[in-house]
N, C-alpha and C. Protein backbone atom coordinates (compact mmCIF):
# COMPACT_ATOMS: atom_id res chain seq x y z
N MET A 1 106.72 115.90 96.18
CA MET A 1 105.78 115.47 97.35
C MET A 1 106.16 115.65 98.63
N GLN A 2 105.23 115.58 99.53
CA GLN A 2 105.51 115.98 101.07
C GLN A 2 106.08 114.94 101.71
N GLN A 3 107.15 115.38 102.60
CA GLN A 3 107.58 114.28 103.63
C GLN A 3 106.57 113.79 104.44
N GLY A 4 106.98 112.57 105.06
CA GLY A 4 106.03 112.01 105.96
C GLY A 4 105.02 110.97 105.47
N LEU A 5 104.99 110.82 104.15
CA LEU A 5 104.06 109.81 103.53
C LEU A 5 104.72 108.52 103.60
N ASN A 6 103.81 107.48 103.85
CA ASN A 6 104.32 106.37 103.76
C ASN A 6 104.11 105.69 102.07
N SER A 7 104.81 104.44 102.07
CA SER A 7 104.98 103.89 100.72
C SER A 7 103.77 104.04 99.92
N ARG A 8 102.67 103.68 100.40
CA ARG A 8 101.31 103.68 99.97
C ARG A 8 101.04 104.81 99.28
N GLN A 9 100.87 105.86 100.35
CA GLN A 9 100.38 107.31 100.08
C GLN A 9 101.44 107.88 99.04
N PHE A 10 102.79 107.61 99.03
CA PHE A 10 103.57 108.21 98.03
C PHE A 10 103.20 107.62 96.65
N ASP A 11 102.87 106.52 96.55
CA ASP A 11 102.40 105.78 95.14
C ASP A 11 101.15 106.29 94.85
N GLN A 12 100.18 106.36 95.66
CA GLN A 12 98.84 107.00 95.52
C GLN A 12 99.02 108.34 94.97
N ALA A 13 99.76 109.20 95.47
CA ALA A 13 100.10 110.58 95.22
C ALA A 13 100.66 110.62 93.96
N ALA A 14 101.77 109.88 93.54
CA ALA A 14 102.43 109.94 92.20
C ALA A 14 101.25 109.67 91.17
N GLY A 15 100.34 108.61 91.61
CA GLY A 15 99.32 108.31 90.71
C GLY A 15 98.42 109.27 90.16
N TYR A 16 98.03 110.02 91.48
CA TYR A 16 97.01 111.14 91.36
C TYR A 16 97.50 112.20 90.28
N VAL A 17 98.92 112.57 90.43
CA VAL A 17 99.78 113.59 89.70
C VAL A 17 99.60 113.22 88.42
N GLN A 18 100.11 111.88 87.95
CA GLN A 18 99.92 111.43 86.50
C GLN A 18 98.46 111.55 85.88
N ILE A 19 97.59 111.04 86.53
CA ILE A 19 96.16 111.13 86.11
C ILE A 19 95.75 112.71 85.70
N VAL A 20 96.21 113.55 86.83
CA VAL A 20 96.16 115.13 86.52
C VAL A 20 96.80 115.51 85.08
N GLU A 21 98.20 115.12 84.91
CA GLU A 21 98.69 115.33 83.85
C GLU A 21 98.20 114.76 82.62
N ASP A 22 97.73 113.61 82.75
CA ASP A 22 97.18 113.10 81.47
C ASP A 22 95.67 113.39 81.21
N PHE A 23 94.87 113.93 82.06
CA PHE A 23 93.31 114.19 81.98
C PHE A 23 92.97 115.55 82.43
N GLY A 24 93.68 116.05 83.14
CA GLY A 24 93.45 117.35 84.03
C GLY A 24 93.03 117.11 85.51
N GLN A 25 92.50 118.25 86.00
CA GLN A 25 91.88 118.05 87.37
C GLN A 25 90.64 117.59 87.43
N TRP A 26 90.41 116.78 88.72
CA TRP A 26 89.03 116.44 88.97
C TRP A 26 88.10 117.63 89.12
N ASN A 27 86.87 117.48 88.71
CA ASN A 27 85.94 118.64 89.12
C ASN A 27 85.71 118.36 90.76
N GLN A 28 84.86 119.12 91.13
CA GLN A 28 84.28 118.92 92.60
C GLN A 28 83.16 118.14 92.93
N GLY A 29 82.47 117.48 91.71
CA GLY A 29 81.18 116.78 91.92
C GLY A 29 81.31 115.32 92.04
N PRO A 30 80.33 114.63 92.43
CA PRO A 30 80.16 113.39 92.68
C PRO A 30 80.52 112.26 91.93
N PHE A 31 80.52 112.60 90.70
CA PHE A 31 80.60 111.54 89.63
C PHE A 31 81.98 111.00 89.17
N SER A 32 82.21 110.25 88.00
CA SER A 32 83.38 109.65 88.03
C SER A 32 84.51 110.54 87.61
N ASN A 33 84.36 111.86 87.17
CA ASN A 33 85.29 112.79 87.08
C ASN A 33 85.58 113.63 88.21
N GLY A 34 84.78 113.33 89.21
CA GLY A 34 84.67 114.34 90.22
C GLY A 34 85.32 113.96 91.56
N ALA A 35 85.77 114.70 92.35
CA ALA A 35 86.43 114.31 93.70
C ALA A 35 85.57 114.34 94.87
N HIS A 36 84.19 114.37 94.78
CA HIS A 36 83.25 114.35 95.69
C HIS A 36 83.73 115.24 96.89
N TYR A 37 83.98 116.40 96.67
CA TYR A 37 84.55 117.46 97.42
C TYR A 37 83.23 117.97 98.14
N PHE A 38 83.59 118.46 99.34
CA PHE A 38 82.67 119.00 100.36
C PHE A 38 83.30 120.06 101.14
N GLY A 39 82.47 121.21 101.59
CA GLY A 39 82.91 122.25 102.20
C GLY A 39 83.07 121.95 103.88
N SER A 40 83.57 122.75 104.62
CA SER A 40 83.58 122.68 106.08
C SER A 40 82.18 122.41 106.76
N ALA A 41 81.29 122.92 106.23
CA ALA A 41 79.83 123.01 106.96
C ALA A 41 79.53 121.48 106.63
N ASP A 42 80.01 120.68 105.94
CA ASP A 42 79.61 119.26 105.74
C ASP A 42 80.74 118.25 105.90
N ASN A 43 81.77 118.75 106.66
CA ASN A 43 82.69 117.80 107.10
C ASN A 43 82.66 117.51 108.28
N PRO A 44 82.49 116.21 108.49
CA PRO A 44 82.28 115.62 109.98
C PRO A 44 83.67 115.10 110.75
N PHE A 45 84.60 115.35 109.87
CA PHE A 45 85.95 115.04 110.35
C PHE A 45 86.95 116.06 110.50
N VAL A 46 86.34 117.18 110.72
CA VAL A 46 87.48 118.51 110.92
C VAL A 46 88.14 118.14 112.29
N ASP A 47 87.60 117.79 113.32
CA ASP A 47 88.38 117.40 114.54
C ASP A 47 89.33 116.43 114.18
N ALA A 48 89.22 115.62 113.47
CA ALA A 48 90.25 114.39 113.46
C ALA A 48 91.46 115.04 112.57
N GLY A 49 91.33 116.32 111.93
CA GLY A 49 92.61 116.71 111.17
C GLY A 49 92.16 116.40 109.63
N MET A 50 90.96 115.68 109.35
CA MET A 50 90.88 115.40 107.89
C MET A 50 90.50 116.41 107.15
N VAL A 51 91.16 117.44 106.70
CA VAL A 51 90.84 118.56 106.25
C VAL A 51 91.84 118.79 105.14
N CYS A 52 91.36 119.58 104.04
CA CYS A 52 92.32 120.06 102.65
C CYS A 52 93.25 120.69 102.99
N GLY A 53 93.26 121.51 104.19
CA GLY A 53 94.44 122.11 104.50
C GLY A 53 95.63 121.40 105.15
N ASN A 54 95.44 120.24 105.45
CA ASN A 54 96.34 119.01 105.70
C ASN A 54 96.88 118.21 104.66
N CYS A 55 95.87 118.30 103.64
CA CYS A 55 96.37 117.25 102.55
C CYS A 55 97.62 117.75 101.90
N ILE A 56 98.38 116.96 101.05
CA ILE A 56 99.41 117.34 100.40
C ILE A 56 99.25 118.17 99.20
N PHE A 57 98.13 118.20 98.70
CA PHE A 57 97.65 118.80 97.58
C PHE A 57 97.42 120.21 97.72
N TRP A 58 97.00 120.56 98.97
CA TRP A 58 96.51 121.88 99.31
C TRP A 58 97.57 122.90 99.10
N GLU A 59 96.93 124.10 98.39
CA GLU A 59 97.89 125.37 98.00
C GLU A 59 97.15 126.36 99.08
N ASP A 60 98.20 127.16 99.48
CA ASP A 60 97.97 128.29 100.25
C ASP A 60 96.94 129.35 99.59
N SER A 61 96.92 129.29 98.56
CA SER A 61 96.16 130.36 97.72
C SER A 61 94.49 129.75 97.69
N GLY A 62 94.25 128.80 98.59
CA GLY A 62 92.91 128.42 98.54
C GLY A 62 92.57 127.32 97.23
N ASN A 63 93.65 126.79 96.72
CA ASN A 63 93.52 125.81 95.59
C ASN A 63 93.98 124.50 95.81
N CYS A 64 93.52 123.65 94.97
CA CYS A 64 94.10 122.22 95.17
C CYS A 64 94.91 121.89 93.75
N GLN A 65 95.94 121.07 94.15
CA GLN A 65 96.83 120.70 92.83
C GLN A 65 96.00 119.70 91.77
N ILE A 66 95.19 119.05 92.54
CA ILE A 66 94.58 117.88 91.77
C ILE A 66 92.89 118.17 91.48
N VAL A 67 92.19 119.05 92.25
CA VAL A 67 90.89 119.28 92.27
C VAL A 67 90.63 120.76 91.76
N SER A 68 89.81 120.95 90.62
CA SER A 68 89.70 122.45 90.37
C SER A 68 88.71 123.19 91.05
N GLY A 69 88.82 124.63 91.17
CA GLY A 69 88.05 125.44 91.76
C GLY A 69 88.53 125.92 93.12
N ARG A 70 87.93 126.69 93.85
CA ARG A 70 88.14 127.17 95.26
C ARG A 70 87.73 126.19 96.10
N ILE A 71 88.93 125.90 97.00
CA ILE A 71 88.68 124.89 98.00
C ILE A 71 88.65 125.45 99.46
N ASP A 72 87.82 125.06 100.20
CA ASP A 72 87.60 125.35 101.67
C ASP A 72 88.75 124.64 102.53
N ILE A 73 89.72 125.57 103.30
CA ILE A 73 90.58 124.93 104.13
C ILE A 73 90.31 123.81 104.86
N GLN A 74 88.73 123.80 105.27
CA GLN A 74 88.55 122.73 106.24
C GLN A 74 87.41 121.85 105.40
N GLY A 75 87.50 122.02 104.29
CA GLY A 75 86.90 121.03 103.44
C GLY A 75 87.43 119.73 103.27
N LEU A 76 86.90 118.83 102.41
CA LEU A 76 87.57 117.41 102.23
C LEU A 76 86.87 116.69 100.96
N CYS A 77 87.73 115.83 100.34
CA CYS A 77 87.23 115.05 99.28
C CYS A 77 87.82 113.75 99.31
N LYS A 78 87.51 112.81 98.35
CA LYS A 78 87.58 111.59 98.33
C LYS A 78 89.12 111.18 98.05
N LEU A 79 89.64 112.12 97.64
CA LEU A 79 91.37 112.02 97.17
C LEU A 79 92.03 112.39 97.96
N TRP A 80 92.02 112.74 99.33
CA TRP A 80 92.78 113.37 100.30
C TRP A 80 93.88 112.29 100.73
N ILE A 81 95.00 113.11 100.80
CA ILE A 81 96.30 112.25 101.38
C ILE A 81 96.90 112.99 102.44
N ILE A 82 96.78 112.50 103.52
CA ILE A 82 97.12 113.27 104.89
C ILE A 82 98.13 112.48 105.47
N PRO A 83 99.32 113.12 105.92
CA PRO A 83 100.34 112.31 106.28
C PRO A 83 99.72 112.19 107.93
N ASP A 84 100.02 110.80 108.52
CA ASP A 84 99.65 110.45 109.59
C ASP A 84 99.88 111.54 110.80
N GLN A 85 101.08 112.23 110.81
CA GLN A 85 101.44 113.36 111.90
C GLN A 85 100.67 114.57 111.80
N SER A 86 99.74 114.39 110.49
CA SER A 86 98.80 115.73 110.65
C SER A 86 97.23 115.32 111.11
N MET A 87 97.21 114.04 111.50
CA MET A 87 95.76 113.67 111.93
C MET A 87 95.82 113.77 113.46
N GLU A 88 94.64 114.05 114.00
CA GLU A 88 94.31 114.01 115.26
C GLU A 88 93.75 113.10 116.04
N VAL A 89 93.86 111.92 115.63
CA VAL A 89 92.97 110.93 115.95
C VAL A 89 93.59 110.16 117.31
């Protein structure tokens, strides 16, 4: 896990990792097995730094550790965990 997480974020991240180990990655869709992922064109939070590229699960290969499929670096999903120092608020 990444440095800079508060205790709540650390526990949240550990929980997500355990869920992926038990059930596999979330898909990108909006339903119960989905992460409600959307690409940069639909992300109103880009200027605030709320983007996949700042999330602890982002991989430089354009993938996410917990959401399946190709991921837009400026996209976002409901599972994001972004350290405060990466936010532009």
